[in-house]
Amino acid sequence: MLYVMTRWLDPDEQRTWRAYLTASRVLMDTLDRELQRDADMPHAYYEILVRLSEAPDRRVRMSELATLTSSSRSRLSHAAARLEAAGWIRREDCPTDRRGQIAVLTEAGFATLAAAAPGHVEGVRRHLFDALSPAQVDQLRRISETLVDHLNAS
């Protein structure tokens, strides 16, 4: 039997971990509530619309969209069905792979995103950036990029 010694968090690490976890959850919950209230959509749907709006021809293969939004394929498929029912996206068969589908942002979806974006961006600014100094914003970006690189390498 292999015995691995647990590297417990010291008090400073524990405080940092809990502060990070709480701040992340409270920020995302706040932004989600605001998007629900102001645009009648959860943050996950907003993220899908944003990713599609930034893509060439506003089209992304569903499997790639799942990766871009850090979503499982089944969760993305469920969200896409709701976005399609709202008329914000449409799904098309992939011309190079019969098993694949492509999500396409519709004009109605783009208009919905354009209407929701100013309030959402103001919320991000108010709840995140306004609370930080320029140096802290730079540190947060660098720390976040380091974590993303580390986790993607895993």
C-alpha atoms as a PDB file:
ATOM      1  CA  MET A   1       0.000   0.000   0.000  1.00  0.00           C
ATOM      2  CA  LEU A   2       1.345   3.367  -1.027  1.00  0.00           C
ATOM      3  CA  TYR A   3       1.192   5.987   1.686  1.00  0.00           C
ATOM      4  CA  VAL A   4       1.123   9.617   0.593  1.00  0.00           C
ATOM      5  CA  MET A   5       1.542  12.321   3.173  1.00  0.00           C
ATOM      6  CA  THR A   6      -1.135  14.999   2.892  1.00  0.00           C
ATOM      7  CA  ARG A   7       0.229  18.498   2.483  1.00  0.00           C
ATOM      8  CA  TRP A   8      -2.331  20.339   4.609  1.00  0.00           C
ATOM      9  CA  LEU A   9      -2.937  24.013   4.019  1.00  0.00           C
ATOM     10  CA  ASP A  10      -1.296  26.320   6.515  1.00  0.00           C
ATOM     11  CA  PRO A  11      -3.497  29.056   8.063  1.00  0.00           C
ATOM     12  CA  ASP A  12      -2.550  31.668   5.427  1.00  0.00           C
ATOM     13  CA  GLU A  13      -3.215  29.223   2.569  1.00  0.00           C
ATOM     14  CA  GLN A  14      -6.525  28.195   4.132  1.00  0.00           C
ATOM     15  CA  ARG A  15      -7.583  31.849   4.476  1.00  0.00           C
ATOM     16  CA  THR A  16      -6.509  32.544   0.874  1.00  0.00           C
ATOM     17  CA  TRP A  17      -8.323  29.476  -0.468  1.00  0.00           C
ATOM     18  CA  ARG A  18     -11.556  30.330   1.322  1.00  0.00           C
ATOM     19  CA  ALA A  19     -11.388  33.992   0.327  1.00  0.00           C
ATOM     20  CA  TYR A  20     -10.803  33.031  -3.328  1.00  0.00           C
ATOM     21  CA  LEU A  21     -13.597  30.464  -3.284  1.00  0.00           C
ATOM     22  CA  THR A  22     -16.081  32.819  -1.645  1.00  0.00           C
ATOM     23  CA  ALA A  23     -15.171  35.779  -3.863  1.00  0.00           C
ATOM     24  CA  SER A  24     -15.496  33.659  -7.024  1.00  0.00           C
ATOM     25  CA  ARG A  25     -18.868  32.257  -5.999  1.00  0.00           C
ATOM     26  CA  VAL A  26     -20.310  35.570  -4.813  1.00  0.00           C
ATOM     27  CA  LEU A  27     -19.116  37.384  -7.948  1.00  0.00           C
ATOM     28  CA  MET A  28     -20.536  34.784 -10.335  1.00  0.00           C
ATOM     29  CA  ASP A  29     -23.802  34.510  -8.369  1.00  0.00           C
ATOM     30  CA  THR A  30     -24.179  38.295  -8.431  1.00  0.00           C
ATOM     31  CA  LEU A  31     -23.500  38.550 -12.161  1.00  0.00           C
ATOM     32  CA  ASP A  32     -25.843  35.634 -12.852  1.00  0.00           C
ATOM     33  CA  ARG A  33     -28.666  37.213 -10.819  1.00  0.00           C
ATOM     34  CA  GLU A  34     -28.200  40.515 -12.628  1.00  0.00           C
ATOM     35  CA  LEU A  35     -28.286  38.860 -16.068  1.00  0.00           C
ATOM     36  CA  GLN A  36     -31.400  36.914 -15.067  1.00  0.00           C
ATOM     37  CA  ARG A  37     -33.078  40.091 -13.843  1.00  0.00           C
ATOM     38  CA  ASP A  38     -31.996  42.415 -16.651  1.00  0.00           C
ATOM     39  CA  ALA A  39     -31.753  40.123 -19.683  1.00  0.00           C
ATOM     40  CA  ASP A  40     -33.775  37.063 -18.672  1.00  0.00           C
ATOM     41  CA  MET A  41     -30.847  34.693 -19.206  1.00  0.00           C
ATOM     42  CA  PRO A  42     -28.316  32.904 -17.024  1.00  0.00           C
ATOM     43  CA  HIS A  43     -24.639  33.735 -17.320  1.00  0.00           C
ATOM     44  CA  ALA A  44     -23.993  30.398 -19.049  1.00  0.00           C
ATOM     45  CA  TYR A  45     -26.269  31.412 -21.946  1.00  0.00           C
ATOM     46  CA  TYR A  46     -24.657  34.842 -22.123  1.00  0.00           C
ATOM     47  CA  GLU A  47     -21.228  33.185 -22.388  1.00  0.00           C
ATOM     48  CA  ILE A  48     -22.419  30.995 -25.278  1.00  0.00           C
ATOM     49  CA  LEU A  49     -23.782  34.025 -27.137  1.00  0.00           C
ATOM     50  CA  VAL A  50     -20.538  35.949 -26.538  1.00  0.00           C
ATOM     51  CA  ARG A  51     -18.386  33.097 -27.845  1.00  0.00           C
ATOM     52  CA  LEU A  52     -20.541  32.794 -30.951  1.00  0.00           C
ATOM     53  CA  SER A  53     -20.503  36.564 -31.521  1.00  0.00           C
ATOM     54  CA  GLU A  54     -16.689  36.555 -31.490  1.00  0.00           C
ATOM     55  CA  ALA A  55     -16.324  33.635 -33.919  1.00  0.00           C
ATOM     56  CA  PRO A  56     -15.896  33.992 -37.683  1.00  0.00           C
ATOM     57  CA  ASP A  57     -19.353  34.162 -39.271  1.00  0.00           C
ATOM     58  CA  ARG A  58     -20.734  33.773 -35.714  1.00  0.00           C
ATOM     59  CA  ARG A  59     -20.423  29.980 -36.086  1.00  0.00           C
ATOM     60  CA  VAL A  60     -18.688  27.426 -33.860  1.00  0.00           C
ATOM     61  CA  ARG A  61     -18.723  23.646 -33.884  1.00  0.00           C
ATOM     62  CA  MET A  62     -20.617  22.423 -30.821  1.00  0.00           C
ATOM     63  CA  SER A  63     -17.695  20.360 -29.488  1.00  0.00           C
ATOM     64  CA  GLU A  64     -15.415  23.408 -29.694  1.00  0.00           C
ATOM     65  CA  LEU A  65     -18.084  25.603 -28.099  1.00  0.00           C
ATOM     66  CA  ALA A  66     -18.258  23.170 -25.180  1.00  0.00           C
ATOM     67  CA  THR A  67     -14.510  23.575 -24.695  1.00  0.00           C
ATOM     68  CA  LEU A  68     -14.651  27.377 -25.039  1.00  0.00           C
ATOM     69  CA  THR A  69     -17.389  27.625 -22.407  1.00  0.00           C
ATOM     70  CA  SER A  70     -15.878  24.983 -20.090  1.00  0.00           C
ATOM     71  CA  SER A  71     -19.081  22.988 -20.390  1.00  0.00           C
ATOM     72  CA  SER A  72     -19.825  19.326 -20.893  1.00  0.00           C
ATOM     73  CA  ARG A  73     -21.240  18.430 -24.280  1.00  0.00           C
ATOM     74  CA  SER A  74     -24.530  17.327 -22.737  1.00  0.00           C
ATOM     75  CA  ARG A  75     -24.897  20.547 -20.716  1.00  0.00           C
ATOM     76  CA  LEU A  76     -24.100  22.608 -23.818  1.00  0.00           C
ATOM     77  CA  SER A  77     -26.605  20.600 -25.867  1.00  0.00           C
ATOM     78  CA  HIS A  78     -29.315  21.323 -23.288  1.00  0.00           C
ATOM     79  CA  ALA A  79     -28.450  25.036 -23.278  1.00  0.00           C
ATOM     80  CA  ALA A  80     -28.354  25.104 -27.079  1.00  0.00           C
ATOM     81  CA  ALA A  81     -31.851  23.600 -27.226  1.00  0.00           C
ATOM     82  CA  ARG A  82     -33.154  26.429 -25.032  1.00  0.00           C
ATOM     83  CA  LEU A  83     -31.271  29.090 -26.981  1.00  0.00           C
ATOM     84  CA  GLU A  84     -32.611  27.606 -30.207  1.00  0.00           C
ATOM     85  CA  ALA A  85     -36.179  27.642 -28.835  1.00  0.00           C
ATOM     86  CA  ALA A  86     -35.698  31.334 -27.985  1.00  0.00           C
ATOM     87  CA  GLY A  87     -34.551  31.954 -31.560  1.00  0.00           C
ATOM     88  CA  TRP A  88     -31.083  33.120 -30.446  1.00  0.00           C
ATOM     89  CA  ILE A  89     -29.087  30.354 -32.141  1.00  0.00           C
ATOM     90  CA  ARG A  90     -29.659  27.664 -34.704  1.00  0.00           C
ATOM     91  CA  ARG A  91     -27.842  24.386 -35.112  1.00  0.00           C
ATOM     92  CA  GLU A  92     -26.696  23.110 -38.457  1.00  0.00           C
ATOM     93  CA  ASP A  93     -25.185  19.800 -39.464  1.00  0.00           C
ATOM     94  CA  CYS A  94     -21.431  19.909 -39.932  1.00  0.00           C
ATOM     95  CA  PRO A  95     -20.644  19.547 -43.642  1.00  0.00           C
ATOM     96  CA  THR A  96     -17.393  17.639 -42.978  1.00  0.00           C
ATOM     97  CA  ASP A  97     -18.624  15.306 -40.228  1.00  0.00           C
ATOM     98  CA  ARG A  98     -22.149  13.901 -40.140  1.00  0.00           C
ATOM     99  CA  ARG A  99     -21.958  13.416 -36.375  1.00  0.00           C
ATOM    100  CA  GLY A 100     -21.049  17.043 -35.674  1.00  0.00           C
ATOM    101  CA  GLN A 101     -23.174  20.148 -35.420  1.00  0.00           C
ATOM    102  CA  ILE A 102     -22.401  23.824 -35.710  1.00  0.00           C
ATOM    103  CA  ALA A 103     -24.012  26.484 -33.524  1.00  0.00           C
ATOM    104  CA  VAL A 104     -24.834  29.706 -35.349  1.00  0.00           C
ATOM    105  CA  LEU A 105     -25.754  32.976 -33.651  1.00  0.00           C
ATOM    106  CA  THR A 106     -28.922  34.389 -35.214  1.00  0.00           C
ATOM    107  CA  GLU A 107     -29.641  38.080 -35.723  1.00  0.00           C
ATOM    108  CA  ALA A 108     -32.146  37.857 -32.858  1.00  0.00           C
ATOM    109  CA  GLY A 109     -29.465  36.295 -30.662  1.00  0.00           C
ATOM    110  CA  PHE A 110     -26.979  39.000 -31.580  1.00  0.00           C
ATOM    111  CA  ALA A 111     -29.569  41.686 -30.801  1.00  0.00           C
ATOM    112  CA  THR A 112     -30.301  40.039 -27.446  1.00  0.00           C
ATOM    113  CA  LEU A 113     -26.584  39.939 -26.644  1.00  0.00           C
ATOM    114  CA  ALA A 114     -26.134  43.560 -27.722  1.00  0.00           C
ATOM    115  CA  ALA A 115     -28.968  44.586 -25.408  1.00  0.00           C
ATOM    116  CA  ALA A 116     -27.621  42.580 -22.452  1.00  0.00           C
ATOM    117  CA  ALA A 117     -23.940  43.457 -22.819  1.00  0.00           C
ATOM    118  CA  PRO A 118     -23.892  47.052 -21.495  1.00  0.00           C
ATOM    119  CA  GLY A 119     -25.554  46.102 -18.187  1.00  0.00           C
ATOM    120  CA  HIS A 120     -23.400  43.003 -17.794  1.00  0.00           C
ATOM    121  CA  VAL A 121     -20.176  44.883 -18.511  1.00  0.00           C
ATOM    122  CA  GLU A 122     -21.212  47.560 -16.012  1.00  0.00           C
ATOM    123  CA  GLY A 123     -21.799  44.814 -13.433  1.00  0.00           C
ATOM    124  CA  VAL A 124     -18.362  43.306 -14.074  1.00  0.00           C
ATOM    125  CA  ARG A 125     -16.795  46.739 -13.766  1.00  0.00           C
ATOM    126  CA  ARG A 126     -18.740  47.640 -10.588  1.00  0.00           C
ATOM    127  CA  HIS A 127     -18.311  44.293  -8.806  1.00  0.00           C
ATOM    128  CA  LEU A 128     -14.748  43.474  -9.831  1.00  0.00           C
ATOM    129  CA  PHE A 129     -12.631  46.199 -11.382  1.00  0.00           C
ATOM    130  CA  ASP A 130     -13.888  49.154  -9.345  1.00  0.00           C
ATOM    131  CA  ALA A 131     -12.894  47.324  -6.160  1.00  0.00           C
ATOM    132  CA  LEU A 132      -9.283  46.838  -7.293  1.00  0.00           C
ATOM    133  CA  SER A 133      -6.332  49.123  -7.936  1.00  0.00           C
ATOM    134  CA  PRO A 134      -4.668  48.993 -11.378  1.00  0.00           C
ATOM    135  CA  ALA A 135      -1.813  47.001  -9.809  1.00  0.00           C
ATOM    136  CA  GLN A 136      -4.275  44.504  -8.322  1.00  0.00           C
ATOM    137  CA  VAL A 137      -6.008  44.130 -11.705  1.00  0.00           C
ATOM    138  CA  ASP A 138      -2.635  43.334 -13.263  1.00  0.00           C
ATOM    139  CA  GLN A 139      -1.872  40.834 -10.470  1.00  0.00           C
ATOM    140  CA  LEU A 140      -5.293  39.198 -10.836  1.00  0.00           C
ATOM    141  CA  ARG A 141      -4.802  38.802 -14.595  1.00  0.00           C
ATOM    142  CA  ARG A 142      -1.322  37.319 -14.164  1.00  0.00           C
ATOM    143  CA  ILE A 143      -2.450  34.967 -11.385  1.00  0.00           C
ATOM    144  CA  SER A 144      -5.473  33.862 -13.416  1.00  0.00           C
ATOM    145  CA  GLU A 145      -3.373  33.228 -16.529  1.00  0.00           C
ATOM    146  CA  THR A 146      -0.897  31.206 -14.451  1.00  0.00           C
ATOM    147  CA  LEU A 147      -3.703  29.084 -13.019  1.00  0.00           C
ATOM    148  CA  VAL A 148      -5.283  28.513 -16.440  1.00  0.00           C
ATOM    149  CA  ASP A 149      -1.920  27.486 -17.926  1.00  0.00           C
ATOM    150  CA  HIS A 150      -1.219  25.166 -14.978  1.00  0.00           C
ATOM    151  CA  LEU A 151      -4.653  23.555 -15.051  1.00  0.00           C
ATOM    152  CA  ASN A 152      -4.705  23.155 -18.830  1.00  0.00           C
ATOM    153  CA  ALA A 153      -1.297  21.461 -18.671  1.00  0.00           C
ATOM    154  CA  SER A 154      -2.669  18.958 -16.144  1.00  0.00           C
END
